[in-house]
Protein backbone atom coordinates (compact mmCIF):
# COMPACT_ATOMS: atom_id res chain seq x y z
CA MET A 1 18.89 -18.18 2.78
CA LEU A 2 15.49 -17.79 1.13
CA LYS A 3 12.47 -18.18 3.38
CA THR A 4 10.29 -20.84 1.80
CA ASP A 5 7.58 -21.21 4.45
CA SER A 6 4.03 -20.30 3.49
CA TYR A 7 3.01 -16.67 3.95
CA GLN A 8 0.43 -15.54 6.50
CA CYS A 9 -2.16 -12.85 6.01
CA PRO A 10 -2.02 -10.86 9.27
CA LYS A 11 -4.86 -11.92 11.54
CA PHE A 12 -5.17 -8.51 13.17
CA LEU A 13 -5.99 -6.92 9.80
CA LEU A 14 -8.67 -9.50 9.11
CA LYS A 15 -10.05 -9.04 12.62
CA GLN A 16 -10.27 -5.26 12.21
CA ALA A 17 -12.08 -5.74 8.90
CA GLU A 18 -14.43 -8.53 9.97
CA THR A 19 -17.15 -6.20 11.28
CA LEU A 20 -17.02 -3.93 8.22
CA THR A 21 -19.21 -3.98 5.13
CA PRO A 22 -17.50 -5.50 2.07
CA THR A 23 -16.14 -2.77 -0.21
CA PRO A 24 -17.31 -2.66 -3.86
CA THR A 25 -13.99 -3.24 -5.63
CA ALA A 26 -13.02 -3.23 -9.30
CA ILE A 27 -10.61 -6.06 -10.18
CA VAL A 28 -8.64 -4.37 -12.96
CA GLY A 29 -7.43 -7.01 -15.41
CA ALA A 30 -9.29 -9.89 -13.79
CA HIS A 31 -8.33 -12.31 -16.59
CA GLY A 32 -5.51 -13.97 -14.65
CA ALA A 33 -5.50 -16.99 -12.36
CA LEU A 34 -3.76 -15.29 -9.43
CA PRO A 35 -5.92 -12.12 -9.40
CA MET A 36 -9.07 -14.25 -9.60
CA LYS A 37 -7.95 -16.60 -6.83
CA SER A 38 -7.04 -13.62 -4.68
CA ALA A 39 -10.38 -11.90 -5.37
CA LYS A 40 -12.21 -15.12 -4.45
CA LEU A 41 -10.34 -15.35 -1.15
CA ALA A 42 -11.03 -11.67 -0.44
CA GLN A 43 -14.72 -12.15 -1.15
CA GLU A 44 -14.84 -15.22 1.11
CA GLN A 45 -13.35 -13.07 3.88
CA GLN A 46 -16.12 -10.53 3.15
CA LEU A 47 -13.57 -7.85 2.34
CA ILE A 48 -14.80 -7.01 -1.16
CA THR A 49 -17.77 -7.17 -3.48
CA PRO A 50 -15.91 -7.66 -6.77
CA ILE A 51 -16.61 -6.13 -10.17
CA PHE A 52 -14.50 -7.89 -12.82
CA ILE A 53 -12.92 -5.88 -15.63
CA GLY A 54 -11.01 -7.56 -18.45
CA ASN A 55 -11.41 -10.32 -21.01
CA ARG A 56 -14.88 -11.76 -20.34
CA ILE A 57 -14.15 -15.21 -21.82
CA GLU A 58 -10.96 -15.66 -19.79
CA ILE A 59 -12.59 -14.38 -16.61
CA LEU A 60 -15.45 -16.87 -16.90
CA LYS A 61 -13.06 -19.70 -17.74
CA ILE A 62 -10.89 -19.02 -14.68
CA ALA A 63 -13.94 -18.62 -12.44
CA ASP A 64 -15.26 -21.96 -13.64
CA GLY A 65 -11.91 -23.59 -12.80
CA LEU A 66 -12.20 -22.13 -9.29
CA ASN A 67 -15.81 -23.38 -8.94
CA TRP A 68 -16.84 -19.78 -8.45
CA ASP A 69 -20.18 -18.52 -9.72
CA ILE A 70 -19.38 -14.86 -10.26
CA GLY A 71 -22.46 -13.82 -12.22
CA VAL A 72 -22.05 -12.39 -15.72
CA GLU A 73 -23.69 -9.12 -14.68
CA ARG A 74 -20.57 -8.28 -12.66
CA ILE A 75 -18.19 -8.57 -15.63
CA ILE A 76 -17.23 -5.59 -17.77
CA HIS A 77 -15.41 -6.69 -20.91
CA ALA A 78 -12.25 -4.79 -21.86
CA GLU A 79 -9.84 -5.70 -24.64
CA THR A 80 -6.61 -4.15 -23.40
CA ASP A 81 -4.83 -3.17 -20.19
CA LYS A 82 -5.46 0.48 -21.05
CA ASP A 83 -9.16 -0.12 -21.53
CA SER A 84 -9.41 -2.04 -18.25
CA ALA A 85 -7.64 0.73 -16.34
CA ASP A 86 -9.67 3.51 -17.92
CA VAL A 87 -13.02 1.80 -17.28
CA ALA A 88 -12.14 1.03 -13.66
CA ALA A 89 -10.95 4.57 -12.96
CA VAL A 90 -14.18 6.05 -14.31
CA LEU A 91 -16.27 3.64 -12.21
CA ALA A 92 -14.34 4.73 -9.11
CA GLY A 93 -14.62 8.40 -10.02
CA LYS A 94 -18.42 8.04 -10.30
CA GLY A 95 -18.60 6.27 -6.96
CA GLU A 96 -19.78 2.96 -8.45
CA VAL A 97 -16.83 1.19 -6.80
CA ALA A 98 -15.05 2.27 -3.62
CA ALA A 99 -11.66 0.61 -4.21
CA LEU A 100 -9.46 -0.55 -7.08
CA MET A 101 -7.45 -3.77 -7.14
CA LYS A 102 -4.63 -4.31 -9.63
CA GLY A 103 -4.93 -7.60 -11.48
CA GLN A 104 -3.28 -8.83 -14.68
CA VAL A 105 -2.33 -5.37 -15.95
CA HIS A 106 0.93 -3.48 -16.16
CA THR A 107 1.40 -1.00 -13.33
CA ASP A 108 2.08 1.93 -15.67
CA GLU A 109 -1.19 1.36 -17.57
CA PHE A 110 -3.06 0.84 -14.30
CA MET A 111 -1.79 4.07 -12.76
CA HIS A 112 -2.16 6.08 -15.97
CA GLY A 113 -5.89 5.44 -16.01
CA ILE A 114 -6.19 6.56 -12.40
CA LEU A 115 -4.23 9.75 -13.02
CA LYS A 116 -6.36 10.92 -15.93
CA LYS A 117 -8.20 14.13 -15.07
CA GLU A 118 -11.44 12.89 -16.64
CA ALA A 119 -11.52 9.90 -14.28
CA GLY A 120 -12.22 12.27 -11.40
CA LEU A 121 -10.02 10.45 -8.88
CA ARG A 122 -7.45 13.15 -8.19
CA THR A 123 -7.66 15.00 -4.88
CA GLY A 124 -4.79 17.47 -5.18
CA ARG A 125 -2.55 15.15 -3.21
CA ARG A 126 0.31 13.18 -4.69
CA LEU A 127 -0.42 9.46 -5.00
CA THR A 128 2.00 7.49 -2.82
CA HIS A 129 2.42 3.79 -2.15
CA ILE A 130 2.75 2.06 1.21
CA PHE A 131 3.96 -1.47 1.92
CA HIS A 132 2.42 -2.65 5.18
CA MET A 133 4.83 -5.38 6.32
CA THR A 134 4.08 -8.10 8.87
CA LEU A 135 5.99 -11.19 9.95
CA PRO A 136 4.42 -14.62 10.58
CA GLU A 137 2.94 -14.96 14.09
CA HIS A 138 3.62 -11.29 14.87
CA ASN A 139 1.07 -8.54 15.50
CA ASN A 140 3.46 -5.65 14.93
CA SER A 141 3.83 -4.04 11.53
CA LEU A 142 6.31 -1.83 9.69
CA MET A 143 5.35 0.50 6.86
CA ILE A 144 7.64 1.35 3.95
CA THR A 145 6.88 4.29 1.68
CA ASP A 146 7.35 4.65 -1.27
CA GLY A 147 8.64 1.47 -2.87
CA ALA A 148 6.41 1.10 -5.91
CA VAL A 149 5.06 4.34 -7.44
CA ASN A 150 7.32 7.39 -7.06
CA VAL A 151 10.76 6.66 -8.49
CA ALA A 152 12.74 9.68 -7.25
CA PRO A 153 10.31 11.51 -4.97
CA SER A 154 10.84 15.16 -4.19
CA ILE A 155 10.86 16.43 -0.63
CA ASP A 156 7.26 17.60 -1.09
CA THR A 157 6.22 14.12 -2.28
CA ARG A 158 7.96 12.46 0.65
CA LEU A 159 6.19 14.75 3.09
CA GLN A 160 2.88 13.71 1.55
CA ALA A 161 3.94 10.05 1.68
CA ALA A 162 4.71 10.44 5.38
CA GLN A 163 1.32 12.05 6.01
CA HIS A 164 -0.49 9.25 4.15
CA ALA A 165 1.33 6.61 6.19
CA ILE A 166 0.57 8.45 9.43
CA GLU A 167 -3.12 8.64 8.54
CA LEU A 168 -3.17 4.93 7.72
CA SER A 169 -1.51 4.24 11.07
CA HIS A 170 -4.27 6.18 12.82
CA ILE A 171 -6.94 4.14 11.06
CA LEU A 172 -5.17 0.96 12.20
CA GLY A 173 -5.04 2.14 15.81
CA ASN A 174 -1.61 3.77 16.20
CA ASN A 175 -2.30 7.35 17.22
CA ASN A 176 1.31 8.54 17.37
CA PRO A 177 3.34 6.75 14.71
CA LYS A 178 7.07 7.38 14.40
CA VAL A 179 8.49 8.12 10.94
CA ALA A 180 12.19 7.54 10.26
CA VAL A 181 13.57 9.48 7.31
CA LEU A 182 16.05 6.97 5.90
CA SER A 183 19.50 7.64 4.55
CA GLY A 184 22.83 5.83 4.74
CA THR A 185 23.96 7.80 7.77
CA GLU A 186 22.62 9.51 10.86
CA SER A 187 24.71 12.62 10.16
CA PRO A 188 24.01 15.04 7.29
CA ILE A 189 26.88 15.03 4.82
CA LYS A 190 27.00 16.82 1.46
CA SER A 191 28.25 13.75 -0.38
CA MET A 192 25.01 11.91 0.52
CA PRO A 193 22.11 14.09 -0.73
CA SER A 194 19.46 11.95 0.99
CA SER A 195 20.93 12.89 4.37
CA ILE A 196 20.72 16.62 3.61
CA GLU A 197 17.16 16.20 2.34
CA ALA A 198 16.25 14.27 5.50
CA VAL A 199 17.21 17.29 7.59
CA GLU A 200 14.88 19.51 5.55
CA ILE A 201 12.05 16.97 5.77
CA THR A 202 12.47 16.80 9.53
CA LYS A 203 12.37 20.60 9.83
CA ARG A 204 9.38 21.04 7.52
CA ALA A 205 7.48 18.20 9.19
CA VAL A 206 7.10 20.32 12.33
CA ASN A 207 4.66 22.61 10.50
CA GLU A 208 3.52 20.44 7.60
CA ILE A 209 2.92 17.00 9.18
CA SER A 210 0.33 16.23 11.81
CA GLY A 211 -0.42 13.18 13.92
CA GLY A 212 3.05 11.65 14.18
CA GLN A 213 6.74 12.22 14.82
CA VAL A 214 9.19 12.59 11.93
CA PHE A 215 12.98 12.46 12.31
CA GLY A 216 16.04 11.92 10.19
CA PRO A 217 18.45 11.26 8.77
CA LEU A 218 18.62 7.75 10.17
CA ALA A 219 20.40 4.73 8.78
CA PHE A 220 18.27 1.58 8.77
CA ASP A 221 19.79 0.10 11.94
CA ASN A 222 19.31 3.34 13.87
CA ALA A 223 15.71 3.50 12.73
CA ILE A 224 14.63 0.05 13.94
CA SER A 225 17.11 -0.91 16.70
CA THR A 226 17.23 0.96 20.03
CA LYS A 227 20.57 -0.73 20.73
CA ALA A 228 22.09 0.65 17.53
CA ALA A 229 20.59 4.08 18.18
CA ASN A 230 21.95 4.13 21.73
CA LEU A 231 25.42 3.14 20.56
CA LYS A 232 25.37 6.09 18.17
CA LYS A 233 24.02 8.31 20.98
CA ILE A 234 20.98 9.33 18.95
CA ASN A 235 18.53 10.79 21.42
CA HIS A 236 15.13 11.00 19.75
CA PRO A 237 11.87 9.05 20.23
CA VAL A 238 11.89 7.89 16.60
CA ALA A 239 15.40 6.43 16.75
CA GLY A 240 15.17 2.68 17.18
CA ASN A 241 11.36 2.78 17.34
CA ALA A 242 10.25 3.54 13.79
CA ASP A 243 6.78 2.45 12.70
CA ILE A 244 7.23 3.96 9.23
CA LEU A 245 10.32 4.05 7.02
CA LEU A 246 10.30 7.02 4.64
CA VAL A 247 12.75 6.02 1.92
CA PRO A 248 14.69 8.38 -0.36
CA ASN A 249 13.93 6.53 -3.62
CA ILE A 250 12.07 3.59 -5.10
CA GLU A 251 15.17 1.36 -5.16
CA THR A 252 15.55 1.56 -1.39
CA GLY A 253 11.89 0.88 -0.66
CA ASN A 254 11.58 -1.90 -3.23
CA ALA A 255 14.71 -3.67 -2.01
CA LEU A 256 13.68 -3.40 1.65
CA PHE A 257 10.24 -4.90 1.12
CA LYS A 258 11.56 -7.72 -1.07
CA MET A 259 14.29 -8.60 1.42
CA MET A 260 11.69 -8.84 4.16
CA VAL A 261 9.51 -11.06 1.95
CA TYR A 262 12.21 -13.39 0.66
CA PHE A 263 14.48 -13.55 3.72
CA MET A 264 11.91 -13.26 6.52
CA GLY A 265 8.66 -14.56 5.04
CA ALA A 266 6.95 -11.20 5.54
CA CYS A 267 3.51 -10.50 4.14
CA ALA A 268 3.57 -7.29 2.10
CA ALA A 269 0.21 -5.58 1.76
CA GLY A 270 0.45 -2.85 -0.85
CA ILE A 271 -1.84 0.16 -1.03
CA VAL A 272 -1.81 3.53 -2.81
CA LEU A 273 -3.30 6.53 -1.02
CA GLY A 274 -3.96 10.07 -2.18
CA ALA A 275 -6.80 9.35 -4.65
CA LYS A 276 -10.52 9.42 -3.86
CA VAL A 277 -10.47 5.66 -3.29
CA PRO A 278 -7.83 3.29 -1.90
CA ILE A 279 -5.91 1.36 -4.54
CA THR A 280 -4.38 -2.05 -3.89
CA LEU A 281 -1.13 -2.36 -5.78
CA THR A 282 0.90 -5.53 -5.40
CA SER A 283 3.63 -7.17 -7.46
CA ARG A 284 2.58 -9.83 -9.96
CA ALA A 285 4.85 -12.21 -8.03
CA ASP A 286 3.09 -11.58 -4.71
CA PRO A 287 1.20 -14.54 -3.19
CA PRO A 288 -2.57 -14.53 -2.57
CA GLU A 289 -2.00 -13.84 1.14
CA ALA A 290 -0.42 -10.47 0.32
CA ARG A 291 -3.29 -9.63 -2.02
CA VAL A 292 -5.89 -10.53 0.60
CA ALA A 293 -4.01 -8.42 3.18
CA SER A 294 -4.03 -5.55 0.67
CA ALA A 295 -7.79 -6.00 0.20
CA ALA A 296 -8.23 -5.91 3.99
CA LEU A 297 -6.29 -2.63 4.15
CA ALA A 298 -8.34 -1.13 1.33
CA ASN A 299 -11.57 -2.26 3.01
CA ILE A 300 -10.52 -0.68 6.32
CA VAL A 301 -9.48 2.59 4.62
CA ALA A 302 -12.60 2.76 2.42
CA GLN A 303 -14.96 2.19 5.33
CA ALA A 304 -13.08 4.70 7.49
CA GLY A 305 -13.47 7.27 4.71
CA LYS A 306 -17.16 6.45 4.40
CA SER A 307 -17.67 6.88 8.13
CA SER A 308 -15.91 10.26 8.20
CA LYS A 309 -18.12 11.55 5.35
CA GLU A 310 -21.26 10.47 7.19
CA LYS A 311 -20.33 12.38 10.38
């Protein structure tokens, strides 16, 4: 049942990014073969200008094996994951890099550095993760939030996650994205708390969310299949037409994205929004194509933010 074909970085993301300036990006924990290969590919696509943070000797050794002259002046030596994360976060807070890319570091150490007050990356918003999912040879995408950062997000956090995903959709050209608030049912029942919470999210979204439509609760089939939604007589523009799946917990989001990857060959670009700079956050098992797609997303978001500040 596993999909074993090679993954494809979505061409439409690369096309949208091809006219943009490469984004100065810190590779946090660059002393790993996969992060370095991914950074090389992203640089070749002119998505990033990399700054390497990690074990200097290992970084140079891997670069040599890739026949990549990275220049020693772009390496910042760090002994530990914590040191790498802290250094990168400070660089981003000072504006010396405009994006962060997770490399060979543990996610908790990576995020802890970003969350430190002294790093200067907090904006008052909750940091939320988005998986931007695409299938081979398809131009459509589906976003899943949050499947990597917030374990048991509150209603407030989910509202912020929905807003982040809507804003990303706008940047990518979808001006009226549809957000399905997922549960295991389309009817609110007390025995399923996520369905009750979905009702509150839908109500609050009217006044607290802008730029998109939010509706729930919806089971997965009713969120993505108009046929299933019609059979259940769910009459709402979001039903069957979701662009964004707002999940109730990390288990749901994580399982959904991995099923799409392993059963359908989807490319999962992972990005964290809510800080001063976009943060690419992928699994250590993700292929280079997913990492390049994540870099493309971060490049598009960073340049959009730069343009809005200049206006």
